[in-house]
Structure formats: C-alpha cells, structure tokens
N, C-alpha and C. Protein backbone atom coordinates (compact mmCIF):
# COMPACT_ATOMS: atom_id res chain seq x y z
N CYS A 1 -46.08 20.05 -72.76
CA CYS A 1 -45.08 19.87 -72.64
C CYS A 1 -45.03 18.18 -71.50
N ILE A 2 -44.57 17.18 -72.38
CA ILE A 2 -44.15 16.29 -72.12
C ILE A 2 -42.78 15.54 -72.00
N SER A 3 -42.56 15.19 -70.92
CA SER A 3 -41.18 15.36 -70.65
C SER A 3 -40.48 14.01 -70.72
N ASN A 4 -39.52 13.73 -70.69
CA ASN A 4 -38.53 12.08 -71.15
C ASN A 4 -37.48 12.10 -70.39
N TYR A 5 -37.87 10.98 -69.22
CA TYR A 5 -36.75 10.48 -67.84
C TYR A 5 -35.60 9.41 -69.25
N GLU A 6 -34.54 10.16 -68.66
CA GLU A 6 -33.26 9.16 -69.20
C GLU A 6 -33.55 7.51 -68.94
N PRO A 7 -32.63 7.08 -69.79
CA PRO A 7 -33.01 5.66 -68.90
C PRO A 7 -31.88 5.75 -68.24
N VAL A 8 -32.16 4.42 -67.10
CA VAL A 8 -31.13 4.39 -65.98
C VAL A 8 -30.42 2.90 -66.02
N ILE A 9 -29.09 2.51 -65.66
CA ILE A 9 -28.93 1.25 -65.94
C ILE A 9 -28.90 1.28 -64.44
N SER A 10 -29.52 0.21 -63.65
CA SER A 10 -28.49 -0.19 -62.20
C SER A 10 -27.54 -0.74 -62.26
N GLU A 11 -27.16 -1.40 -62.78
CA GLU A 11 -25.71 -2.36 -62.90
C GLU A 11 -25.39 -3.22 -64.13
N ILE A 12 -24.49 -3.73 -64.17
CA ILE A 12 -24.03 -4.80 -65.27
C ILE A 12 -23.96 -5.82 -64.60
N THR A 13 -23.66 -7.17 -64.69
CA THR A 13 -23.14 -8.50 -64.41
C THR A 13 -22.38 -9.19 -65.40
N ALA A 14 -21.50 -9.34 -64.43
CA ALA A 14 -20.58 -10.48 -65.22
C ALA A 14 -20.39 -11.43 -64.59
N ASP A 15 -20.01 -12.88 -65.15
CA ASP A 15 -20.61 -14.14 -64.51
C ASP A 15 -19.58 -15.06 -66.08
N PRO A 16 -18.57 -15.73 -65.69
CA PRO A 16 -17.77 -15.66 -64.41
C PRO A 16 -16.98 -14.25 -64.43
N ASN A 17 -16.00 -13.80 -63.33
CA ASN A 17 -15.32 -12.51 -63.19
C ASN A 17 -14.60 -13.03 -61.58
N PRO A 18 -13.46 -13.36 -61.89
CA PRO A 18 -12.83 -13.19 -62.74
C PRO A 18 -12.90 -14.58 -63.89
N VAL A 19 -12.24 -14.57 -65.22
CA VAL A 19 -12.41 -15.39 -66.36
C VAL A 19 -10.99 -15.99 -66.91
N ALA A 20 -10.80 -17.09 -67.21
CA ALA A 20 -9.46 -17.63 -67.55
C ALA A 20 -9.62 -16.61 -68.92
N MET A 21 -8.37 -17.11 -69.32
CA MET A 21 -7.83 -16.54 -70.98
C MET A 21 -8.59 -17.33 -71.96
N GLY A 22 -8.81 -16.53 -72.92
CA GLY A 22 -9.58 -17.69 -74.11
C GLY A 22 -11.37 -17.89 -73.23
N GLY A 23 -11.35 -17.35 -72.39
CA GLY A 23 -12.94 -18.01 -71.98
C GLY A 23 -13.76 -17.22 -71.92
N LEU A 24 -14.88 -17.25 -71.48
CA LEU A 24 -16.21 -16.48 -72.36
C LEU A 24 -17.21 -16.23 -70.71
N VAL A 25 -17.42 -14.49 -71.02
CA VAL A 25 -18.34 -14.14 -70.02
C VAL A 25 -19.58 -13.59 -69.92
N SER A 26 -20.93 -14.12 -69.67
CA SER A 26 -22.22 -13.51 -70.04
C SER A 26 -22.33 -12.37 -68.81
N LEU A 27 -22.39 -11.50 -69.96
CA LEU A 27 -22.73 -10.14 -69.56
C LEU A 27 -24.49 -9.71 -69.92
N ARG A 28 -24.93 -9.04 -68.86
CA ARG A 28 -26.43 -8.58 -68.74
C ARG A 28 -25.80 -7.36 -67.98
N CYS A 29 -27.10 -6.46 -69.38
CA CYS A 29 -27.31 -4.59 -68.72
C CYS A 29 -28.39 -4.12 -67.79
N ILE A 30 -29.18 -4.11 -66.84
CA ILE A 30 -30.12 -4.16 -65.87
C ILE A 30 -30.32 -2.65 -66.11
N ALA A 31 -31.16 -2.00 -67.12
CA ALA A 31 -31.79 -0.88 -67.52
C ALA A 31 -33.06 -1.01 -67.38
N SER A 32 -33.66 0.28 -67.04
CA SER A 32 -35.21 0.76 -66.86
C SER A 32 -35.42 2.38 -67.52
N ASP A 33 -36.72 2.23 -67.78
CA ASP A 33 -36.46 3.51 -68.28
C ASP A 33 -38.26 4.29 -67.58
N GLU A 34 -38.42 4.70 -66.73
CA GLU A 34 -39.03 5.20 -65.72
C GLU A 34 -40.15 6.48 -66.19
N ASP A 35 -40.15 6.33 -67.64
CA ASP A 35 -41.20 7.68 -67.70
C ASP A 35 -42.59 7.55 -67.25
N GLU A 36 -43.08 8.96 -66.81
CA GLU A 36 -44.25 8.39 -66.23
C GLU A 36 -45.58 8.84 -66.93
N SER A 37 -45.43 9.31 -68.31
CA SER A 37 -46.32 9.83 -69.18
C SER A 37 -46.63 8.37 -69.83
N SER A 38 -47.96 8.29 -70.63
CA SER A 38 -48.48 7.37 -70.55
C SER A 38 -48.22 7.37 -71.81
N ILE A 39 -47.81 8.46 -72.46
CA ILE A 39 -47.31 8.25 -73.85
C ILE A 39 -45.79 7.74 -74.03
N ARG A 40 -45.02 8.35 -73.25
CA ARG A 40 -43.96 7.55 -73.36
C ARG A 40 -43.61 6.41 -72.59
N ALA A 41 -44.44 5.61 -71.91
CA ALA A 41 -44.53 4.70 -70.80
C ALA A 41 -43.98 3.69 -71.62
N LYS A 42 -43.91 3.25 -72.67
CA LYS A 42 -43.43 2.09 -73.24
C LYS A 42 -42.06 2.14 -74.26
N ASP A 43 -41.31 3.65 -73.67
CA ASP A 43 -40.13 3.90 -74.71
C ASP A 43 -39.44 2.18 -74.59
N SER A 44 -38.60 1.91 -75.81
CA SER A 44 -38.08 1.06 -75.77
C SER A 44 -36.49 1.38 -75.77
N ILE A 45 -35.62 0.27 -75.30
CA ILE A 45 -34.34 0.73 -74.96
C ILE A 45 -33.66 -0.17 -75.47
N THR A 46 -32.24 0.50 -76.59
CA THR A 46 -31.66 -0.12 -77.05
C THR A 46 -29.97 -0.50 -76.45
N TYR A 47 -29.38 -0.93 -77.02
CA TYR A 47 -28.39 -1.50 -75.60
C TYR A 47 -26.97 -1.18 -77.30
N ASP A 48 -25.62 -0.77 -77.03
CA ASP A 48 -24.26 -0.82 -77.31
C ASP A 48 -23.55 -1.12 -76.30
N TRP A 49 -22.77 -1.98 -76.91
CA TRP A 49 -21.75 -2.86 -76.01
C TRP A 49 -20.32 -2.60 -76.96
N SER A 50 -18.89 -2.38 -75.77
CA SER A 50 -18.01 -2.00 -76.08
C SER A 50 -16.84 -2.37 -75.25
N ALA A 51 -16.14 -2.79 -75.32
CA ALA A 51 -14.77 -3.25 -74.50
C ALA A 51 -13.05 -2.82 -75.30
N SER A 52 -12.79 -2.81 -74.12
CA SER A 52 -11.46 -1.71 -74.51
C SER A 52 -10.24 -3.47 -75.10
N ALA A 53 -10.54 -4.73 -74.82
CA ALA A 53 -10.04 -5.76 -75.74
C ALA A 53 -10.84 -6.57 -75.69
N GLY A 54 -10.38 -8.11 -76.39
CA GLY A 54 -11.47 -9.57 -76.90
C GLY A 54 -12.42 -8.92 -77.53
N SER A 55 -13.66 -9.47 -77.60
CA SER A 55 -14.43 -9.46 -78.76
C SER A 55 -16.08 -10.31 -78.14
N PHE A 56 -16.82 -9.41 -78.62
CA PHE A 56 -18.33 -10.22 -78.20
C PHE A 56 -18.73 -11.28 -78.92
N VAL A 57 -19.75 -11.90 -78.78
CA VAL A 57 -20.55 -13.04 -79.19
C VAL A 57 -21.60 -12.91 -79.12
N VAL A 58 -22.07 -12.41 -80.12
CA VAL A 58 -24.10 -12.34 -80.10
C VAL A 58 -24.79 -13.65 -79.50
N PRO A 59 -25.73 -13.72 -78.72
CA PRO A 59 -26.17 -15.19 -78.62
C PRO A 59 -27.12 -15.71 -79.45
N ASP A 60 -27.77 -16.73 -79.87
CA ASP A 60 -28.53 -16.81 -80.86
C ASP A 60 -29.18 -15.74 -81.12
N THR A 61 -29.78 -15.80 -82.64
CA THR A 61 -30.41 -14.43 -82.44
C THR A 61 -31.99 -14.44 -81.90
N ILE A 62 -32.45 -16.09 -81.67
CA ILE A 62 -34.02 -15.77 -80.73
C ILE A 62 -33.73 -14.86 -79.59
N ASP A 63 -33.06 -15.41 -79.12
CA ASP A 63 -32.52 -15.54 -77.97
C ASP A 63 -32.12 -13.59 -77.45
N TYR A 64 -31.27 -13.03 -78.75
CA TYR A 64 -31.19 -11.60 -78.51
C TYR A 64 -32.00 -11.01 -78.74
N ILE A 65 -33.22 -11.32 -79.32
CA ILE A 65 -34.17 -10.43 -79.82
C ILE A 65 -34.84 -10.47 -78.69
N LEU A 66 -35.45 -11.32 -77.81
CA LEU A 66 -36.03 -11.87 -76.43
C LEU A 66 -35.24 -11.16 -75.53
N HIS A 67 -34.15 -10.57 -75.48
CA HIS A 67 -33.05 -10.69 -73.95
C HIS A 67 -32.17 -9.79 -74.81
N PRO A 68 -32.27 -8.53 -75.54
CA PRO A 68 -31.06 -7.57 -75.78
C PRO A 68 -30.16 -7.12 -74.86
N SER A 69 -30.64 -7.22 -73.67
CA SER A 69 -29.51 -6.68 -72.60
C SER A 69 -28.84 -7.93 -72.47
N LYS A 70 -28.80 -8.93 -73.22
CA LYS A 70 -27.62 -10.01 -72.46
C LYS A 70 -26.80 -9.93 -73.88
N ILE A 71 -25.70 -10.02 -73.66
CA ILE A 71 -24.30 -10.66 -74.49
C ILE A 71 -23.20 -11.42 -73.62
N TYR A 72 -22.30 -11.67 -74.64
CA TYR A 72 -21.15 -12.75 -74.39
C TYR A 72 -19.99 -11.92 -74.39
N TRP A 73 -18.76 -11.79 -73.77
CA TRP A 73 -17.80 -11.33 -74.27
C TRP A 73 -16.68 -12.36 -73.97
N ALA A 74 -15.70 -12.45 -75.26
CA ALA A 74 -14.69 -13.57 -75.42
C ALA A 74 -13.48 -12.93 -74.65
N ALA A 75 -12.37 -13.79 -73.92
CA ALA A 75 -11.32 -13.34 -73.35
C ALA A 75 -10.31 -13.33 -75.20
N VAL A 76 -10.46 -13.27 -76.12
CA VAL A 76 -10.18 -13.54 -77.22
C VAL A 76 -9.77 -12.33 -77.90
N ASP A 77 -9.16 -12.13 -78.87
CA ASP A 77 -9.73 -10.86 -80.10
C ASP A 77 -10.20 -11.04 -81.03
N SER A 78 -10.58 -10.46 -82.12
CA SER A 78 -10.81 -11.07 -83.54
C SER A 78 -10.45 -11.78 -84.27
N SER A 79 -9.36 -11.97 -84.06
CA SER A 79 -8.39 -13.25 -84.67
C SER A 79 -8.44 -14.01 -84.18
N GLY A 80 -8.88 -14.31 -83.24
CA GLY A 80 -9.03 -15.76 -82.14
C GLY A 80 -8.07 -15.98 -81.18
N MET A 81 -6.96 -14.84 -81.18
CA MET A 81 -5.74 -14.75 -80.10
C MET A 81 -6.69 -14.73 -78.77
N GLU A 82 -5.65 -15.46 -77.84
CA GLU A 82 -6.42 -15.01 -76.55
C GLU A 82 -6.01 -14.09 -75.90
N THR A 83 -6.68 -13.18 -75.01
CA THR A 83 -5.87 -12.09 -74.31
C THR A 83 -5.36 -11.99 -73.59
N ASP A 84 -4.22 -11.02 -73.30
CA ASP A 84 -3.64 -11.31 -71.86
C ASP A 84 -3.61 -11.08 -70.82
N THR A 85 -3.45 -11.46 -69.45
CA THR A 85 -4.11 -11.67 -68.20
C THR A 85 -4.11 -9.76 -68.32
N GLY A 86 -5.13 -9.87 -67.19
CA GLY A 86 -5.38 -8.26 -66.87
C GLY A 86 -6.84 -7.79 -66.53
N TYR A 87 -6.50 -6.46 -66.01
CA TYR A 87 -8.03 -5.89 -66.06
C TYR A 87 -8.72 -5.60 -67.65
N TYR A 88 -9.96 -5.72 -68.04
CA TYR A 88 -10.75 -5.27 -68.72
C TYR A 88 -11.69 -4.53 -68.67
N THR A 89 -12.23 -3.43 -69.79
CA THR A 89 -13.31 -2.67 -69.47
C THR A 89 -14.42 -3.08 -70.09
N ILE A 90 -15.56 -3.30 -69.94
CA ILE A 90 -16.84 -3.28 -70.94
C ILE A 90 -17.61 -2.25 -70.39
N THR A 91 -18.41 -1.52 -71.58
CA THR A 91 -19.15 -0.74 -71.08
C THR A 91 -20.69 -0.88 -72.09
N CYS A 92 -21.50 -0.95 -71.38
CA CYS A 92 -22.59 -0.71 -72.14
C CYS A 92 -23.79 0.81 -72.10
N GLN A 93 -23.82 1.37 -72.77
CA GLN A 93 -24.66 2.27 -73.62
C GLN A 93 -26.21 2.24 -73.84
N VAL A 94 -27.01 2.66 -73.04
CA VAL A 94 -28.60 2.40 -73.48
C VAL A 94 -28.88 3.71 -73.82
N ASN A 95 -29.71 3.73 -75.17
CA ASN A 95 -30.40 4.89 -75.78
C ASN A 95 -32.31 4.56 -75.33
N ASP A 96 -32.83 5.39 -75.57
CA ASP A 96 -34.10 5.44 -75.23
C ASP A 96 -34.99 6.17 -76.90
N GLU A 97 -35.95 5.77 -77.03
CA GLU A 97 -36.80 6.17 -78.14
C GLU A 97 -36.09 7.88 -78.08
N ASN A 98 -35.93 8.57 -77.65
CA ASN A 98 -36.09 10.12 -77.43
C ASN A 98 -34.35 10.72 -77.37
N ASN A 99 -33.52 9.27 -77.54
CA ASN A 99 -32.01 9.91 -77.68
C ASN A 99 -31.60 10.54 -76.26
N ALA A 100 -32.24 9.87 -75.18
CA ALA A 100 -31.62 10.15 -73.81
C ALA A 100 -30.70 8.71 -73.68
N VAL A 101 -29.20 8.71 -72.95
CA VAL A 101 -28.98 8.16 -73.05
C VAL A 101 -28.13 7.59 -71.62
N ASP A 102 -27.62 6.14 -71.14
CA ASP A 102 -27.04 6.26 -69.60
C ASP A 102 -25.66 5.38 -70.03
N ILE A 103 -24.70 5.15 -69.55
CA ILE A 103 -23.18 4.93 -70.09
C ILE A 103 -23.03 3.93 -68.25
N LEU A 104 -22.59 2.60 -68.63
CA LEU A 104 -22.14 2.13 -67.23
C LEU A 104 -20.82 1.41 -67.60
N SER A 105 -19.93 1.26 -67.29
CA SER A 105 -18.76 -0.07 -67.23
C SER A 105 -18.45 -1.16 -66.58
N ILE A 106 -18.12 -2.00 -66.12
CA ILE A 106 -18.11 -3.30 -65.28
C ILE A 106 -16.28 -3.59 -65.82
N ILE A 107 -15.21 -4.09 -65.19
CA ILE A 107 -14.32 -4.44 -65.18
C ILE A 107 -13.87 -6.02 -64.96
N VAL A 108 -14.20 -6.59 -66.02
CA VAL A 108 -13.25 -7.85 -66.25
C VAL A 108 -11.99 -8.57 -65.73
N LYS A 109 -11.92 -9.51 -65.01
CA LYS A 109 -10.34 -9.49 -64.82
C LYS A 109 -9.97 -11.18 -65.54
N VAL A 110 -9.34 -11.16 -66.19
CA VAL A 110 -8.56 -12.30 -67.03
C VAL A 110 -7.31 -12.63 -66.19
N GLU A 111 -7.50 -14.06 -66.29
CA GLU A 111 -6.23 -14.52 -65.62
C GLU A 111 -5.93 -16.06 -66.13
C-alpha cells in the first residue's frame, strides 16, 4: 500500500497589502507535496483561487503555465467598479493528483 500525503500550504503572500481602491495585488501561494514514495514523488499540485469580492487577473499565459501558484487580484468587481474600502478574504485551495487538499486564506485590506 502506497500512502499519499496531502499537499501543504505554508503561506500566501500578498503585495501590496494594504492596497488602494481599484489597485492590483500580486498573490503567491507557497505549497508543497512531500510524498516520500518514488511513485508519488512527482505529484503535481493545482491551485484554485477564490475571493469574497474583487476579481482575479491571470498573468500572461506563459508566466501562468510556469508559475501557477501566482495570480493577481484586482480591487474591482467583474463590471470594473472599484470595491469599497475594507477587508477581503482571498483563499487558495491546492489539490494533488490523488484528490488530497489543503486550503488557506489571507485577508487583504483595501483603503
């Protein structure tokens, strides 16, 4: 029997934080999957982002393929209207190839 370790998110970074209304935040989810088995050692991780408001901006396609853990969050809604000042929760969920999951959130302040 080969066991599968869950991926682990060590942190999410947000730069800048706080951000101005209508501003752009660079987000990075730092995660790993420490499977010890040689069969599972190369488990790939996928990243799924969500936010309580605002919208995500995917970096250019090549950059996103090379660095899927990085994304941008804009303090604007899908119609282009600036979000109000306040605190917003941004969550990253990572999944490995065996459906193991870890979830972590960060609070971004819009001022």
